[in-house]
C-alpha atoms as a PDB file:
ATOM      1  CA  MET A   1     -47.176  34.945  30.289  1.00  0.00           C
ATOM      2  CA  LYS A   2     -43.967  36.910  30.705  1.00  0.00           C
ATOM      3  CA  THR A   3     -43.345  36.783  26.971  1.00  0.00           C
ATOM      4  CA  ALA A   4     -46.812  38.186  26.270  1.00  0.00           C
ATOM      5  CA  LEU A   5     -46.160  41.098  28.618  1.00  0.00           C
ATOM      6  CA  ILE A   6     -42.801  41.738  26.945  1.00  0.00           C
ATOM      7  CA  HIS A   7     -44.530  41.708  23.555  1.00  0.00           C
ATOM      8  CA  ILE A   8     -47.194  44.185  24.647  1.00  0.00           C
ATOM      9  CA  GLY A   9     -44.548  46.354  26.318  1.00  0.00           C
ATOM     10  CA  ILE A  10     -42.471  46.534  23.133  1.00  0.00           C
ATOM     11  CA  ALA A  11     -45.584  47.494  21.144  1.00  0.00           C
ATOM     12  CA  PHE A  12     -46.520  50.290  23.542  1.00  0.00           C
ATOM     13  CA  VAL A  13     -42.961  51.626  23.687  1.00  0.00           C
ATOM     14  CA  TRP A  14     -42.918  51.711  19.889  1.00  0.00           C
ATOM     15  CA  MET A  15     -46.279  53.458  19.793  1.00  0.00           C
ATOM     16  CA  PHE A  16     -45.231  56.138  22.294  1.00  0.00           C
ATOM     17  CA  LEU A  17     -41.939  56.781  20.480  1.00  0.00           C
ATOM     18  CA  ASN A  18     -43.845  57.653  17.314  1.00  0.00           C
ATOM     19  CA  PRO A  19     -45.231  61.159  16.832  1.00  0.00           C
ATOM     20  CA  LYS A  20     -48.648  59.709  15.955  1.00  0.00           C
ATOM     21  CA  ARG A  21     -50.157  57.533  18.675  1.00  0.00           C
ATOM     22  CA  ASP A  22     -52.797  55.578  16.838  1.00  0.00           C
ATOM     23  CA  LEU A  23     -53.831  52.023  16.019  1.00  0.00           C
ATOM     24  CA  PRO A  24     -51.547  51.601  12.969  1.00  0.00           C
ATOM     25  CA  SER A  25     -48.472  52.516  15.014  1.00  0.00           C
ATOM     26  CA  LEU A  26     -49.555  50.024  17.679  1.00  0.00           C
ATOM     27  CA  MET A  27     -49.911  47.343  14.994  1.00  0.00           C
ATOM     28  CA  VAL A  28     -46.423  48.144  13.672  1.00  0.00           C
ATOM     29  CA  GLY A  29     -45.182  47.901  17.252  1.00  0.00           C
ATOM     30  CA  LEU A  30     -46.796  44.482  17.620  1.00  0.00           C
ATOM     31  CA  ILE A  31     -45.101  43.294  14.420  1.00  0.00           C
ATOM     32  CA  ILE A  32     -41.726  44.670  15.512  1.00  0.00           C
ATOM     33  CA  GLY A  33     -42.228  43.110  18.944  1.00  0.00           C
ATOM     34  CA  TRP A  34     -43.016  39.739  17.356  1.00  0.00           C
ATOM     35  CA  ILE A  35     -39.872  39.914  15.215  1.00  0.00           C
ATOM     36  CA  LEU A  36     -37.762  40.792  18.259  1.00  0.00           C
ATOM     37  CA  LEU A  37     -39.280  37.975  20.308  1.00  0.00           C
ATOM     38  CA  VAL A  38     -38.570  35.449  17.576  1.00  0.00           C
ATOM     39  CA  ALA A  39     -35.030  36.768  17.136  1.00  0.00           C
ATOM     40  CA  PHE A  40     -34.275  36.605  20.861  1.00  0.00           C
ATOM     41  CA  ARG A  41     -36.174  33.382  21.584  1.00  0.00           C
ATOM     42  CA  PRO A  42     -33.195  31.598  23.231  1.00  0.00           C
ATOM     43  CA  LEU A  43     -32.867  34.405  25.781  1.00  0.00           C
ATOM     44  CA  LEU A  44     -36.523  34.424  26.804  1.00  0.00           C
ATOM     45  CA  PRO A  45     -38.212  32.241  29.396  1.00  0.00           C
ATOM     46  CA  ASP A  46     -39.705  29.110  27.888  1.00  0.00           C
ATOM     47  CA  ASP A  47     -43.440  29.613  27.829  1.00  0.00           C
ATOM     48  CA  LYS A  48     -46.122  28.704  25.337  1.00  0.00           C
ATOM     49  CA  TYR A  49     -46.819  32.228  24.084  1.00  0.00           C
ATOM     50  CA  LEU A  50     -44.705  32.145  20.923  1.00  0.00           C
ATOM     51  CA  ARG A  51     -45.736  28.606  19.991  1.00  0.00           C
ATOM     52  CA  ARG A  52     -49.407  29.212  20.640  1.00  0.00           C
ATOM     53  CA  SER A  53     -49.553  32.553  18.852  1.00  0.00           C
ATOM     54  CA  SER A  54     -47.699  31.219  15.809  1.00  0.00           C
ATOM     55  CA  ALA A  55     -50.086  28.237  15.787  1.00  0.00           C
ATOM     56  CA  PHE A  56     -52.977  30.713  15.949  1.00  0.00           C
ATOM     57  CA  PHE A  57     -51.713  32.528  12.847  1.00  0.00           C
ATOM     58  CA  LYS A  58     -51.245  29.199  11.073  1.00  0.00           C
ATOM     59  CA  TRP A  59     -54.838  28.319  11.935  1.00  0.00           C
ATOM     60  CA  LEU A  60     -56.018  31.708  10.621  1.00  0.00           C
ATOM     61  CA  TRP A  61     -54.068  31.123   7.406  1.00  0.00           C
ATOM     62  CA  ALA A  62     -55.554  27.631   7.026  1.00  0.00           C
ATOM     63  CA  PHE A  63     -59.068  28.984   7.648  1.00  0.00           C
ATOM     64  CA  PHE A  64     -58.721  31.806   5.104  1.00  0.00           C
ATOM     65  CA  LYS A  65     -57.240  29.390   2.590  1.00  0.00           C
ATOM     66  CA  ALA A  66     -60.198  26.999   3.090  1.00  0.00           C
ATOM     67  CA  LEU A  67     -62.569  29.964   2.864  1.00  0.00           C
ATOM     68  CA  VAL A  68     -61.206  31.136  -0.497  1.00  0.00           C
ATOM     69  CA  LEU A  69     -60.918  27.654  -1.994  1.00  0.00           C
ATOM     70  CA  SER A  70     -64.454  26.744  -0.976  1.00  0.00           C
ATOM     71  CA  GLN A  71     -65.755  29.975  -2.507  1.00  0.00           C
ATOM     72  CA  PHE A  72     -64.241  28.944  -5.822  1.00  0.00           C
ATOM     73  CA  ARG A  73     -65.664  25.431  -5.446  1.00  0.00           C
ATOM     74  CA  VAL A  74     -69.170  26.751  -4.767  1.00  0.00           C
ATOM     75  CA  ALA A  75     -68.891  29.219  -7.664  1.00  0.00           C
ATOM     76  CA  ARG A  76     -67.882  26.347  -9.962  1.00  0.00           C
ATOM     77  CA  LEU A  77     -70.837  24.278  -8.767  1.00  0.00           C
ATOM     78  CA  ILE A  78     -73.263  27.140  -9.374  1.00  0.00           C
ATOM     79  CA  LEU A  79     -71.866  28.428 -12.669  1.00  0.00           C
ATOM     80  CA  PHE A  80     -71.185  25.051 -14.291  1.00  0.00           C
ATOM     81  CA  PRO A  81     -73.854  22.658 -12.976  1.00  0.00           C
ATOM     82  CA  GLY A  82     -73.620  20.294 -15.964  1.00  0.00           C
ATOM     83  CA  ASN A  83     -70.063  19.220 -15.196  1.00  0.00           C
ATOM     84  CA  ASN A  84     -70.533  18.912 -11.431  1.00  0.00           C
ATOM     85  CA  PRO A  85     -74.093  18.222 -10.310  1.00  0.00           C
ATOM     86  CA  ILE A  86     -74.921  19.464  -6.846  1.00  0.00           C
ATOM     87  CA  GLN A  87     -75.563  16.596  -4.435  1.00  0.00           C
ATOM     88  CA  PRO A  88     -76.399  18.181  -1.088  1.00  0.00           C
ATOM     89  CA  GLY A  89     -76.815  16.181   2.052  1.00  0.00           C
ATOM     90  CA  PHE A  90     -76.003  15.706   5.692  1.00  0.00           C
ATOM     91  CA  PHE A  91     -73.138  13.844   7.340  1.00  0.00           C
ATOM     92  CA  GLU A  92     -71.902  13.389  10.880  1.00  0.00           C
ATOM     93  CA  PHE A  93     -68.489  14.703  11.860  1.00  0.00           C
ATOM     94  CA  PRO A  94     -66.965  13.036  14.963  1.00  0.00           C
ATOM     95  CA  ILE A  95     -66.147  15.469  17.805  1.00  0.00           C
ATOM     96  CA  ARG A  96     -65.934  13.182  20.841  1.00  0.00           C
ATOM     97  CA  ASP A  97     -62.400  14.219  21.911  1.00  0.00           C
ATOM     98  CA  LEU A  98     -62.872  17.978  21.504  1.00  0.00           C
ATOM     99  CA  SER A  99     -63.383  20.569  24.229  1.00  0.00           C
ATOM    100  CA  ASP A 100     -66.303  22.993  24.175  1.00  0.00           C
ATOM    101  CA  LEU A 101     -64.099  25.797  22.803  1.00  0.00           C
ATOM    102  CA  GLU A 102     -62.744  23.542  20.057  1.00  0.00           C
ATOM    103  CA  ILE A 103     -66.271  22.436  19.109  1.00  0.00           C
ATOM    104  CA  LEU A 104     -67.389  26.059  18.990  1.00  0.00           C
ATOM    105  CA  MET A 105     -64.457  27.213  16.857  1.00  0.00           C
ATOM    106  CA  LEU A 106     -64.718  24.218  14.521  1.00  0.00           C
ATOM    107  CA  SER A 107     -68.471  24.549  14.031  1.00  0.00           C
ATOM    108  CA  HIS A 108     -68.167  28.269  13.282  1.00  0.00           C
ATOM    109  CA  SER A 109     -65.279  27.626  10.892  1.00  0.00           C
ATOM    110  CA  ILE A 110     -67.376  25.031   9.078  1.00  0.00           C
ATOM    111  CA  SER A 111     -70.385  27.370   8.899  1.00  0.00           C
ATOM    112  CA  LEU A 112     -68.337  30.329   7.669  1.00  0.00           C
ATOM    113  CA  THR A 113     -66.856  28.244   4.878  1.00  0.00           C
ATOM    114  CA  PRO A 114     -69.181  28.371   1.833  1.00  0.00           C
ATOM    115  CA  GLY A 115     -70.778  25.084   0.893  1.00  0.00           C
ATOM    116  CA  THR A 116     -70.936  23.691   4.427  1.00  0.00           C
ATOM    117  CA  THR A 117     -73.023  24.513   7.478  1.00  0.00           C
ATOM    118  CA  SER A 118     -72.920  23.168  11.010  1.00  0.00           C
ATOM    119  CA  VAL A 119     -76.458  22.211  11.872  1.00  0.00           C
ATOM    120  CA  GLU A 120     -76.413  20.619  15.310  1.00  0.00           C
ATOM    121  CA  VAL A 121     -74.110  19.394  18.044  1.00  0.00           C
ATOM    122  CA  ASP A 122     -75.119  16.067  19.521  1.00  0.00           C
ATOM    123  CA  PRO A 123     -76.189  16.481  23.201  1.00  0.00           C
ATOM    124  CA  GLU A 124     -73.583  13.901  24.248  1.00  0.00           C
ATOM    125  CA  LYS A 125     -70.980  15.800  22.182  1.00  0.00           C
ATOM    126  CA  GLN A 126     -70.146  12.809  20.042  1.00  0.00           C
ATOM    127  CA  VAL A 127     -70.933  14.130  16.554  1.00  0.00           C
ATOM    128  CA  LEU A 128     -71.516  17.400  14.744  1.00  0.00           C
ATOM    129  CA  LEU A 129     -74.240  17.292  12.082  1.00  0.00           C
ATOM    130  CA  VAL A 130     -72.993  19.095   8.960  1.00  0.00           C
ATOM    131  CA  HIS A 131     -74.845  19.991   5.763  1.00  0.00           C
ATOM    132  CA  ALA A 132     -72.743  20.196   2.602  1.00  0.00           C
ATOM    133  CA  LEU A 133     -73.400  20.936  -1.047  1.00  0.00           C
ATOM    134  CA  GLU A 134     -71.113  18.068  -2.017  1.00  0.00           C
ATOM    135  CA  ALA A 135     -72.200  15.280   0.302  1.00  0.00           C
ATOM    136  CA  ASP A 136     -72.108  12.365  -2.121  1.00  0.00           C
ATOM    137  CA  ARG A 137     -68.932  11.034  -0.428  1.00  0.00           C
ATOM    138  CA  PRO A 138     -69.090  12.010   3.266  1.00  0.00           C
ATOM    139  CA  GLU A 139     -65.767  10.320   4.098  1.00  0.00           C
ATOM    140  CA  ASP A 140     -63.994  12.723   1.706  1.00  0.00           C
ATOM    141  CA  ALA A 141     -65.718  15.719   3.280  1.00  0.00           C
ATOM    142  CA  ILE A 142     -64.823  14.507   6.777  1.00  0.00           C
ATOM    143  CA  SER A 143     -61.174  13.978   5.863  1.00  0.00           C
ATOM    144  CA  GLU A 144     -61.020  17.407   4.199  1.00  0.00           C
ATOM    145  CA  ILE A 145     -62.453  19.133   7.291  1.00  0.00           C
ATOM    146  CA  GLU A 146     -60.022  17.221   9.510  1.00  0.00           C
ATOM    147  CA  ARG A 147     -57.073  18.147   7.311  1.00  0.00           C
ATOM    148  CA  THR A 148     -57.888  21.792   6.554  1.00  0.00           C
ATOM    149  CA  LEU A 149     -59.684  23.009   9.695  1.00  0.00           C
ATOM    150  CA  LEU A 150     -59.382  20.604  12.616  1.00  0.00           C
ATOM    151  CA  LYS A 151     -55.662  19.847  12.486  1.00  0.00           C
ATOM    152  CA  PRO A 152     -54.558  23.541  12.535  1.00  0.00           C
ATOM    153  CA  LEU A 153     -57.184  24.277  15.198  1.00  0.00           C
ATOM    154  CA  LEU A 154     -55.838  21.544  17.473  1.00  0.00           C
ATOM    155  CA  ALA A 155     -52.290  22.796  16.938  1.00  0.00           C
ATOM    156  CA  PHE A 156     -53.489  26.151  18.269  1.00  0.00           C
ATOM    157  CA  THR A 157     -55.642  24.961  21.177  1.00  0.00           C
ATOM    158  CA  ARG A 158     -53.378  22.094  22.272  1.00  0.00           C
ATOM    159  CA  PRO A 159     -49.758  23.274  21.956  1.00  0.00           C
END
């Protein structure tokens, strides 16, 4: 918590030292503050702020990467149906060890990614029902979601 306050303090100091006090100068201050925090990490108290926030940015990167790649995959399926026939269907994704926040973030990440949609969470929170355009091999889809979305999400939520 102390590191987060230091980070915000550096950003506000930077913003108030600039002649223009606006959102872009605050964002530059946040970037400069992040660089300073990483540079002086050994001198700071050991808290989870730097690890958790860097894991958050890694999760964002993984999500945007999955978003772009799935857009290309869906475009290929639509534009060239002869080479890759669409085989939509449902499969169950296991979520029994996830918290409510993790289930929420994962289901929204799945739904925002083109070609897949979260349909329903099991009342006992054991499985998430997912619809996919390429559901001919559900074990491949499950392993891809685990690798591209769930693993970075858990690195962020469970540092």
